[in-house]
Amino acid sequence: MIQRRKVIIGTLGVATAATAAGCSARGTASVGTGSTTWVEPVANNQEATAAPVTLTVTPEDDATDVSPLKAITVAAAGGTLKSVTVTAGKAKIDGSLDADGTWTSSEDLAYSKTYKVVATVTDSLGVEQELNSSFKTIDPDTLAKITFQSNALSVLKDGGTYGAGQPVIVAFNHSVNKNAVEKAIEVKTSPSVEGKFYWVSDKIVHWRPAKYWTAGTTVKVKVNLFGVKLGKGVYGARNASADFKIGRQLIAIADTRTHMTKVYIDGKVVRTMRSSFGMGGTTKGADGQTVSFWTAGGPHVVLSKERTHNMSSASYGVSDPSNPYYYDSEEIEYCTRISYSGEFLHAAPWNSQLGQSNRSHGCINLSTADAKWVYENFIVGDVVDVKNSPRTLQIWNGLGDWTVSYDKYGA
């Protein structure tokens, strides 16, 4: 921004030959108004004139669309800066004098405000003078607000503990510029790992490392978007941060061929469960959509847990009782969700083929005891990797981030 300087020159009058001997007058006047004051006679009748005082204020007077991140500075040349006051209504902006005598603000400004700067300076003769300046900050059309999510069903619990498959998820209430957002997001982990971004939409971005998180990893996320332009008339509402921790590394391998699910914690098998997966085949839903009865293959991530969940074929579009895949609403126990489309690990005491064949409508059927154990021991972010299915989980269906190789993630 080009700075416009205001120059204030202090002027002083001197005693003349017509002044009565032995008499002098003292007074004060606002310097720069043309007023004068009488002083003691000067040897050899030399004038005593104050050096010009130049004050430089940034942002310049009458500036508009000033970034709220812009620092306010006031510098004096030819005089001494005594004080600076910056206000917007009743709000006051703090600042301090630097070693070189320049005053600099020490806090961010706000959007859509008019700030008034009042600076007081003394010239070389000690006469005080004042400068007034004002400017306006950016007035956004829209403010983009931030939410940290564990998935689309729930917000991230700051300081919470999550499983090894939990990506960083930042969601906005408005479409944003992706490049600007990625530059503003800072992810720090211990131990340190690199990661990549994947945009689910122009409002939601994920970040994941190349491999599952190791047990005990801490993740700290900062999004510095205040004052950042994110689109036409759109600016970041505020900066935000969130921390979470990875607990033990739990990975369940669910094999549709062996009809077994093995649970590994930190690399060791802790439970083996007889299972039954999707029976396969497809049908048409009420809106003509294709409904598949294969359990989707690939790594799933635990999204939520419910003690009971009401299930029916109508929940995925099969509402015609004459359809062979139709079934009535029923309360199912110990449900651990792994996809948005309705795949769960759950109790299926009616299924006599656990560990023998695949008879479900797409969920992972377990005994009541095993489903209860999963419900009590799995946490959001844990990994359930389904093997040997002819259908692959789509990346958008839950947290399918790990179904894509790292080199193609976000591409």
Protein backbone atom coordinates (compact mmCIF):
# COMPACT_ATOMS: atom_id res chain seq x y z
CA MET A 1 0.00 0.00 0.00
CA ILE A 2 1.38 3.44 -0.89
CA GLN A 3 1.75 5.59 2.18
CA ARG A 4 0.55 9.18 2.13
CA ARG A 5 2.44 11.44 4.48
CA LYS A 6 1.01 14.33 6.46
CA VAL A 7 3.63 16.99 7.22
CA ILE A 8 3.03 19.20 10.24
CA ILE A 9 5.55 22.04 10.67
CA GLY A 10 5.74 23.86 13.99
CA THR A 11 6.32 27.64 13.72
CA LEU A 12 7.33 30.03 16.41
CA GLY A 13 7.49 33.92 16.42
CA VAL A 14 10.37 35.83 18.01
CA ALA A 15 10.77 39.11 20.01
CA THR A 16 11.15 42.27 17.89
CA ALA A 17 13.11 45.50 18.46
CA ALA A 18 9.88 47.29 19.45
CA THR A 19 9.44 45.08 22.49
CA ALA A 20 9.79 46.92 25.79
CA ALA A 21 13.16 46.40 27.45
CA GLY A 22 13.16 43.76 30.15
CA CYS A 23 9.64 42.52 29.28
CA SER A 24 8.62 39.33 27.56
CA ALA A 25 5.38 37.37 27.09
CA ARG A 26 4.92 33.58 27.22
CA GLY A 27 1.99 31.65 25.84
CA THR A 28 0.94 28.52 23.99
CA ALA A 29 -0.78 27.84 20.68
CA SER A 30 -1.66 24.87 18.51
CA VAL A 31 1.32 24.44 16.26
CA GLY A 32 0.45 24.40 12.61
CA THR A 33 -2.42 26.94 12.98
CA GLY A 34 -0.33 30.01 12.23
CA SER A 35 -0.57 31.24 15.82
CA THR A 36 2.60 32.61 17.49
CA THR A 37 4.02 32.97 20.96
CA TRP A 38 6.49 35.39 22.49
CA VAL A 39 9.82 34.05 23.76
CA GLU A 40 12.99 35.37 25.36
CA PRO A 41 15.11 37.49 23.01
CA VAL A 42 17.56 35.36 21.06
CA ALA A 43 21.18 36.33 20.84
CA ASN A 44 22.00 38.20 17.63
CA ASN A 45 18.23 38.33 16.85
CA GLN A 46 18.34 34.82 15.30
CA GLU A 47 14.98 33.12 14.80
CA ALA A 48 14.33 29.87 16.78
CA THR A 49 12.36 27.65 14.39
CA ALA A 50 11.23 24.08 15.05
CA ALA A 51 12.37 21.46 12.57
CA PRO A 52 9.59 20.12 10.33
CA VAL A 53 7.75 17.15 11.82
CA THR A 54 6.67 14.42 9.43
CA LEU A 55 4.24 11.72 10.58
CA THR A 56 3.73 8.61 8.47
CA VAL A 57 0.64 6.50 9.20
CA THR A 58 -0.10 3.09 7.70
CA PRO A 59 -2.78 2.31 6.54
CA GLU A 60 -3.03 5.71 4.92
CA ASP A 61 -5.79 8.17 5.71
CA ASP A 62 -9.15 7.32 4.10
CA ALA A 63 -7.95 3.89 2.96
CA THR A 64 -10.68 1.28 2.38
CA ASP A 65 -10.78 -2.53 2.13
CA VAL A 66 -7.89 -2.81 4.57
CA SER A 67 -7.10 -6.36 5.67
CA PRO A 68 -7.85 -6.96 9.37
CA LEU A 69 -4.42 -8.61 9.49
CA LYS A 70 -2.72 -5.36 8.44
CA ALA A 71 -0.53 -3.88 11.16
CA ILE A 72 -1.04 -0.21 11.99
CA THR A 73 2.20 1.76 12.19
CA VAL A 74 2.86 5.39 13.08
CA ALA A 75 6.34 6.89 12.66
CA ALA A 76 7.61 10.43 13.31
CA ALA A 77 10.52 12.21 11.62
CA GLY A 78 11.80 15.49 13.02
CA GLY A 79 9.95 15.00 16.31
CA THR A 80 9.20 12.53 19.07
CA LEU A 81 6.12 10.32 19.01
CA LYS A 82 4.50 10.52 22.44
CA SER A 83 1.31 8.50 22.13
CA VAL A 84 -0.97 6.74 19.66
CA THR A 85 -4.62 5.80 20.19
CA VAL A 86 -6.53 3.59 17.75
CA THR A 87 -10.25 3.07 18.24
CA ALA A 88 -13.28 1.69 16.45
CA GLY A 89 -16.27 2.86 18.45
CA LYS A 90 -15.63 1.73 22.01
CA ALA A 91 -13.05 -0.88 20.99
CA LYS A 92 -9.39 0.07 21.41
CA ILE A 93 -6.44 -1.51 19.61
CA ASP A 94 -3.32 -2.17 21.68
CA GLY A 95 0.17 -1.40 20.46
CA SER A 96 3.61 -0.31 21.61
CA LEU A 97 6.60 1.80 20.67
CA ASP A 98 9.46 -0.04 19.01
CA ALA A 99 13.12 0.70 19.69
CA ASP A 100 13.25 3.10 16.72
CA GLY A 101 10.31 5.11 18.08
CA THR A 102 7.72 3.66 15.69
CA TRP A 103 4.36 2.66 17.17
CA THR A 104 3.01 -0.71 15.94
CA SER A 105 -0.33 -2.34 16.70
CA SER A 106 -0.17 -5.70 18.46
CA GLU A 107 -3.54 -7.32 17.65
CA ASP A 108 -5.71 -8.13 14.67
CA LEU A 109 -8.42 -5.76 13.59
CA ALA A 110 -12.03 -6.68 12.82
CA TYR A 111 -14.00 -6.84 9.61
CA SER A 112 -16.33 -4.00 8.57
CA LYS A 113 -14.96 -1.38 10.97
CA THR A 114 -13.79 2.23 10.69
CA TYR A 115 -10.65 2.83 12.73
CA LYS A 116 -9.56 6.26 13.96
CA VAL A 117 -5.88 6.93 14.62
CA VAL A 118 -4.90 9.79 16.90
CA ALA A 119 -1.15 10.42 17.22
CA THR A 120 0.54 12.97 19.49
CA VAL A 121 4.09 14.20 18.75
CA THR A 122 6.43 16.89 20.11
CA ASP A 123 8.65 18.90 17.81
CA SER A 124 12.26 19.92 18.44
CA LEU A 125 11.14 22.84 20.63
CA GLY A 126 8.91 20.62 22.76
CA VAL A 127 5.64 21.87 21.32
CA GLU A 128 2.96 19.19 21.14
CA GLN A 129 0.85 18.58 18.07
CA GLU A 130 -1.75 16.01 17.01
CA LEU A 131 -2.61 14.03 13.88
CA ASN A 132 -5.96 12.41 13.10
CA SER A 133 -6.31 9.68 10.49
CA SER A 134 -8.88 6.98 9.69
CA PHE A 135 -9.39 3.94 7.48
CA LYS A 136 -11.92 1.15 6.87
CA THR A 137 -11.40 -2.61 6.93
CA ILE A 138 -12.78 -5.17 4.49
CA ASP A 139 -16.55 -5.65 4.55
CA PRO A 140 -17.08 -9.30 3.47
CA ASP A 141 -20.24 -10.45 1.74
CA THR A 142 -19.95 -13.85 3.42
CA LEU A 143 -17.92 -15.29 6.29
CA ALA A 144 -16.85 -18.92 5.96
CA LYS A 145 -17.05 -20.70 9.33
CA ILE A 146 -15.08 -23.81 10.25
CA THR A 147 -16.18 -27.11 11.83
CA PHE A 148 -13.83 -29.98 12.63
CA GLN A 149 -15.56 -33.31 12.01
CA SER A 150 -14.84 -36.90 12.91
CA ASN A 151 -17.12 -37.76 9.97
CA ALA A 152 -20.30 -36.43 8.37
CA LEU A 153 -22.34 -37.75 11.31
CA SER A 154 -20.50 -36.03 14.16
CA VAL A 155 -18.11 -33.23 15.06
CA LEU A 156 -14.58 -33.95 16.23
CA LYS A 157 -14.18 -33.92 20.00
CA ASP A 158 -11.27 -31.61 20.75
CA GLY A 159 -8.75 -33.59 22.78
CA GLY A 160 -10.59 -36.83 21.99
CA THR A 161 -9.15 -40.25 21.21
CA TYR A 162 -9.75 -41.83 17.80
CA GLY A 163 -8.78 -44.90 15.81
CA ALA A 164 -5.91 -45.42 13.39
CA GLY A 165 -8.03 -44.64 10.32
CA GLN A 166 -9.35 -41.24 11.42
CA PRO A 167 -8.50 -38.53 8.86
CA VAL A 168 -8.36 -34.83 9.64
CA ILE A 169 -11.64 -33.33 8.40
CA VAL A 170 -12.31 -29.59 8.05
CA ALA A 171 -15.77 -28.50 6.93
CA PHE A 172 -17.03 -25.04 5.95
CA ASN A 173 -20.50 -23.55 5.81
CA HIS A 174 -19.79 -22.01 2.41
CA SER A 175 -17.92 -22.95 -0.75
CA VAL A 176 -14.27 -21.93 -0.46
CA ASN A 177 -11.15 -21.56 -2.58
CA LYS A 178 -9.33 -24.87 -2.21
CA ASN A 179 -5.80 -23.57 -2.76
CA ALA A 180 -6.24 -20.80 -0.19
CA VAL A 181 -7.59 -23.27 2.38
CA GLU A 182 -4.81 -25.79 1.88
CA LYS A 183 -2.20 -23.07 2.41
CA ALA A 184 -3.94 -22.06 5.64
CA ILE A 185 -4.16 -25.57 7.16
CA GLU A 186 -1.28 -26.70 9.33
CA VAL A 187 -1.16 -30.30 10.59
CA LYS A 188 1.50 -31.22 13.14
CA THR A 189 1.84 -34.77 14.38
CA SER A 190 4.02 -36.60 16.85
CA PRO A 191 5.63 -38.72 15.56
CA SER A 192 5.89 -36.52 12.49
CA VAL A 193 4.35 -37.76 9.24
CA GLU A 194 3.54 -36.22 5.88
CA GLY A 195 0.03 -36.19 4.47
CA LYS A 196 -2.20 -35.19 1.56
CA PHE A 197 -5.50 -33.39 1.05
CA TYR A 198 -8.64 -34.86 -0.50
CA TRP A 199 -11.67 -32.64 -1.21
CA VAL A 200 -14.99 -34.39 -0.74
CA SER A 201 -16.69 -31.24 -2.04
CA ASP A 202 -15.95 -27.52 -2.28
CA LYS A 203 -16.94 -27.30 1.40
CA ILE A 204 -15.20 -30.31 2.98
CA VAL A 205 -11.54 -31.31 2.91
CA HIS A 206 -9.81 -34.39 4.39
CA TRP A 207 -6.13 -34.93 5.21
CA ARG A 208 -4.50 -38.31 5.83
CA PRO A 209 -0.99 -39.75 6.10
CA ALA A 210 0.37 -42.44 3.80
CA LYS A 211 -0.30 -45.23 6.31
CA TYR A 212 -2.64 -45.77 9.23
CA TRP A 213 -1.72 -43.74 12.29
CA THR A 214 0.53 -45.49 14.77
CA ALA A 215 -0.73 -45.98 18.32
CA GLY A 216 -0.36 -42.94 20.54
CA THR A 217 0.12 -40.39 17.75
CA THR A 218 -0.93 -36.85 18.64
CA VAL A 219 -2.46 -34.67 15.92
CA LYS A 220 -2.66 -30.88 16.15
CA VAL A 221 -4.56 -28.98 13.46
CA LYS A 222 -4.57 -25.21 12.91
CA VAL A 223 -6.58 -23.40 10.26
CA ASN A 224 -5.46 -19.78 9.89
CA LEU A 225 -8.25 -18.32 7.76
CA PHE A 226 -9.11 -15.04 9.46
CA GLY A 227 -8.59 -12.26 6.95
CA VAL A 228 -8.00 -14.71 4.09
CA LYS A 229 -9.98 -14.28 0.90
CA LEU A 230 -11.69 -17.57 0.02
CA GLY A 231 -13.70 -16.54 -3.00
CA LYS A 232 -15.60 -13.59 -4.38
CA GLY A 233 -16.72 -11.66 -1.30
CA VAL A 234 -15.97 -14.67 0.94
CA TYR A 235 -13.47 -14.45 3.82
CA GLY A 236 -12.53 -16.72 6.69
CA ALA A 237 -14.58 -15.92 9.79
CA ARG A 238 -11.90 -16.89 12.30
CA ASN A 239 -8.86 -19.00 12.96
CA ALA A 240 -9.53 -22.39 14.51
CA SER A 241 -7.60 -25.29 15.98
CA ALA A 242 -8.25 -28.80 17.25
CA ASP A 243 -6.22 -31.61 18.78
CA PHE A 244 -6.87 -35.32 18.93
CA LYS A 245 -4.99 -38.46 19.84
CA ILE A 246 -4.79 -41.91 18.29
CA GLY A 247 -5.44 -44.66 20.82
CA ARG A 248 -4.31 -48.24 20.38
CA GLN A 249 -4.10 -49.24 16.72
CA LEU A 250 -7.11 -51.49 16.11
CA ILE A 251 -7.53 -53.07 12.67
CA ALA A 252 -10.18 -55.69 11.94
CA ILE A 253 -9.72 -57.93 8.90
CA ALA A 254 -13.10 -59.21 7.73
CA ASP A 255 -12.78 -61.92 5.08
CA THR A 256 -15.85 -62.74 2.98
CA ARG A 257 -14.30 -66.05 1.83
CA THR A 258 -13.33 -67.48 5.19
CA HIS A 259 -16.42 -65.93 6.84
CA MET A 260 -14.26 -64.79 9.75
CA THR A 261 -13.33 -61.42 11.22
CA LYS A 262 -10.02 -61.12 13.08
CA VAL A 263 -9.32 -58.14 15.30
CA TYR A 264 -5.73 -56.97 15.68
CA ILE A 265 -4.66 -54.51 18.37
CA ASP A 266 -1.15 -53.13 17.90
CA GLY A 267 -0.42 -56.04 15.57
CA LYS A 268 -1.66 -58.88 17.79
CA VAL A 269 -4.83 -60.91 17.25
CA VAL A 270 -7.16 -60.32 20.20
CA ARG A 271 -10.41 -61.80 18.89
CA THR A 272 -11.61 -64.01 16.05
CA MET A 273 -15.32 -63.80 15.20
CA ARG A 274 -17.52 -66.01 13.03
CA SER A 275 -19.19 -63.73 10.49
CA SER A 276 -21.64 -63.63 7.62
CA PHE A 277 -21.41 -61.01 4.88
CA GLY A 278 -23.56 -59.72 2.02
CA MET A 279 -25.31 -62.44 0.05
CA GLY A 280 -24.57 -60.72 -3.26
CA GLY A 281 -26.87 -59.85 -6.12
CA THR A 282 -28.73 -56.64 -6.88
CA THR A 283 -32.27 -55.33 -7.14
CA LYS A 284 -34.00 -52.11 -8.13
CA GLY A 285 -35.07 -49.65 -5.47
CA ALA A 286 -38.24 -47.59 -5.37
CA ASP A 287 -36.60 -44.81 -7.40
CA GLY A 288 -35.09 -47.15 -9.95
CA GLN A 289 -31.67 -47.15 -8.34
CA THR A 290 -29.53 -50.27 -8.26
CA VAL A 291 -29.23 -51.75 -4.76
CA SER A 292 -26.31 -54.10 -4.18
CA PHE A 293 -26.24 -56.83 -1.54
CA TRP A 294 -22.48 -57.32 -1.51
CA THR A 295 -20.63 -56.03 1.51
CA ALA A 296 -18.37 -53.35 0.03
CA GLY A 297 -14.71 -54.35 -0.06
CA GLY A 298 -11.75 -52.36 1.19
CA PRO A 299 -10.87 -50.47 4.37
CA HIS A 300 -13.85 -48.99 6.20
CA VAL A 301 -13.62 -46.65 9.18
CA VAL A 302 -15.92 -46.83 12.21
CA LEU A 303 -18.33 -43.86 12.07
CA SER A 304 -20.59 -44.36 15.08
CA LYS A 305 -22.03 -46.90 17.51
CA GLU A 306 -25.63 -47.47 18.51
CA ARG A 307 -26.95 -49.78 21.21
CA THR A 308 -29.94 -50.47 18.96
CA HIS A 309 -30.71 -49.36 15.45
CA ASN A 310 -33.93 -49.69 13.45
CA MET A 311 -33.23 -51.50 10.18
CA SER A 312 -35.50 -52.20 7.24
CA SER A 313 -35.09 -52.70 3.51
CA ALA A 314 -36.94 -49.41 2.98
CA SER A 315 -33.91 -47.59 4.47
CA TYR A 316 -32.00 -48.31 1.25
CA GLY A 317 -34.93 -48.08 -1.15
CA VAL A 318 -36.60 -51.51 -1.20
CA SER A 319 -40.12 -50.76 -0.02
CA ASP A 320 -42.19 -53.19 -2.13
CA PRO A 321 -43.23 -56.23 -0.01
CA SER A 322 -43.29 -58.34 -3.16
CA ASN A 323 -39.56 -57.78 -3.68
CA PRO A 324 -37.68 -60.89 -2.49
CA TYR A 325 -35.16 -58.63 -0.74
CA TYR A 326 -37.82 -56.78 1.24
CA TYR A 327 -37.88 -57.05 5.04
CA ASP A 328 -39.83 -55.24 7.76
CA SER A 329 -38.49 -52.77 10.27
CA GLU A 330 -36.69 -54.36 13.21
CA GLU A 331 -34.63 -53.13 16.17
CA ILE A 332 -31.13 -54.58 15.86
CA GLU A 333 -28.70 -54.76 18.79
CA TYR A 334 -25.06 -53.68 19.15
CA CYS A 335 -24.64 -51.79 15.90
CA THR A 336 -21.28 -50.37 14.81
CA ARG A 337 -21.63 -48.31 11.62
CA ILE A 338 -18.88 -48.41 8.97
CA SER A 339 -20.51 -46.69 5.95
CA TYR A 340 -23.03 -43.93 5.29
CA SER A 341 -25.08 -46.28 3.11
CA GLY A 342 -25.89 -48.49 6.10
CA GLU A 343 -23.22 -51.15 6.57
CA PHE A 344 -22.85 -52.19 10.20
CA LEU A 345 -21.24 -54.86 12.29
CA HIS A 346 -24.21 -56.01 14.37
CA ALA A 347 -25.78 -58.86 16.29
CA ALA A 348 -27.63 -61.34 14.08
CA PRO A 349 -28.88 -64.16 16.34
CA TRP A 350 -31.25 -65.32 13.57
CA ASN A 351 -28.38 -66.06 11.18
CA SER A 352 -27.42 -69.73 11.58
CA GLN A 353 -24.69 -69.44 8.93
CA LEU A 354 -22.16 -67.37 10.86
CA GLY A 355 -18.71 -68.56 9.90
CA GLN A 356 -20.14 -70.72 7.08
CA SER A 357 -21.77 -68.63 4.35
CA ASN A 358 -22.79 -65.10 3.45
CA ARG A 359 -26.48 -64.46 4.07
CA SER A 360 -26.77 -60.78 5.06
CA HIS A 361 -28.12 -57.84 3.06
CA GLY A 362 -24.66 -56.21 3.16
CA CYS A 363 -23.86 -55.84 6.85
CA ILE A 364 -21.35 -57.93 8.77
CA ASN A 365 -23.46 -60.30 10.87
CA LEU A 366 -21.98 -61.43 14.19
CA SER A 367 -23.12 -63.37 17.21
CA THR A 368 -24.66 -61.28 19.96
CA ALA A 369 -21.60 -61.81 22.17
CA ASP A 370 -19.18 -60.75 19.43
CA ALA A 371 -21.30 -57.76 18.36
CA LYS A 372 -21.48 -56.65 21.99
CA TRP A 373 -17.68 -56.94 22.28
CA VAL A 374 -17.23 -54.83 19.14
CA TYR A 375 -19.70 -52.25 20.39
CA GLU A 376 -17.85 -51.99 23.71
CA ASN A 377 -14.29 -52.03 22.37
CA PHE A 378 -14.27 -50.31 18.97
CA ILE A 379 -14.01 -46.53 18.78
CA VAL A 380 -14.70 -44.00 16.03
CA GLY A 381 -11.80 -44.11 13.57
CA ASP A 382 -10.99 -47.81 13.98
CA VAL A 383 -10.41 -49.72 10.74
CA VAL A 384 -12.53 -52.60 9.40
CA ASP A 385 -10.91 -53.90 6.21
CA VAL A 386 -13.24 -56.13 4.17
CA LYS A 387 -11.38 -58.62 1.96
CA ASN A 388 -12.41 -60.57 -1.15
CA SER A 389 -15.56 -58.68 -2.10
CA PRO A 390 -16.35 -58.04 -5.77
CA ARG A 391 -17.55 -54.54 -4.92
CA THR A 392 -15.30 -51.74 -3.62
CA LEU A 393 -16.31 -49.11 -1.07
CA GLN A 394 -16.59 -45.70 -2.72
CA ILE A 395 -14.32 -43.06 -1.19
CA TRP A 396 -17.32 -40.85 -0.35
CA ASN A 397 -19.36 -43.63 1.31
CA GLY A 398 -18.25 -43.09 4.89
CA LEU A 399 -14.52 -42.55 5.33
CA GLY A 400 -13.33 -44.46 2.33
CA ASP A 401 -10.08 -42.46 2.30
CA TRP A 402 -8.00 -45.61 2.70
CA THR A 403 -9.51 -47.36 -0.32
CA VAL A 404 -7.33 -45.12 -2.50
CA SER A 405 -3.56 -45.59 -2.69
CA TYR A 406 -1.57 -42.71 -1.27
CA ASP A 407 -0.07 -41.75 -4.64
CA LYS A 408 -3.60 -41.28 -6.04
CA TYR A 409 -5.16 -39.78 -2.92
CA GLY A 410 -6.49 -36.30 -3.67
CA ALA A 411 -5.51 -36.55 -7.33
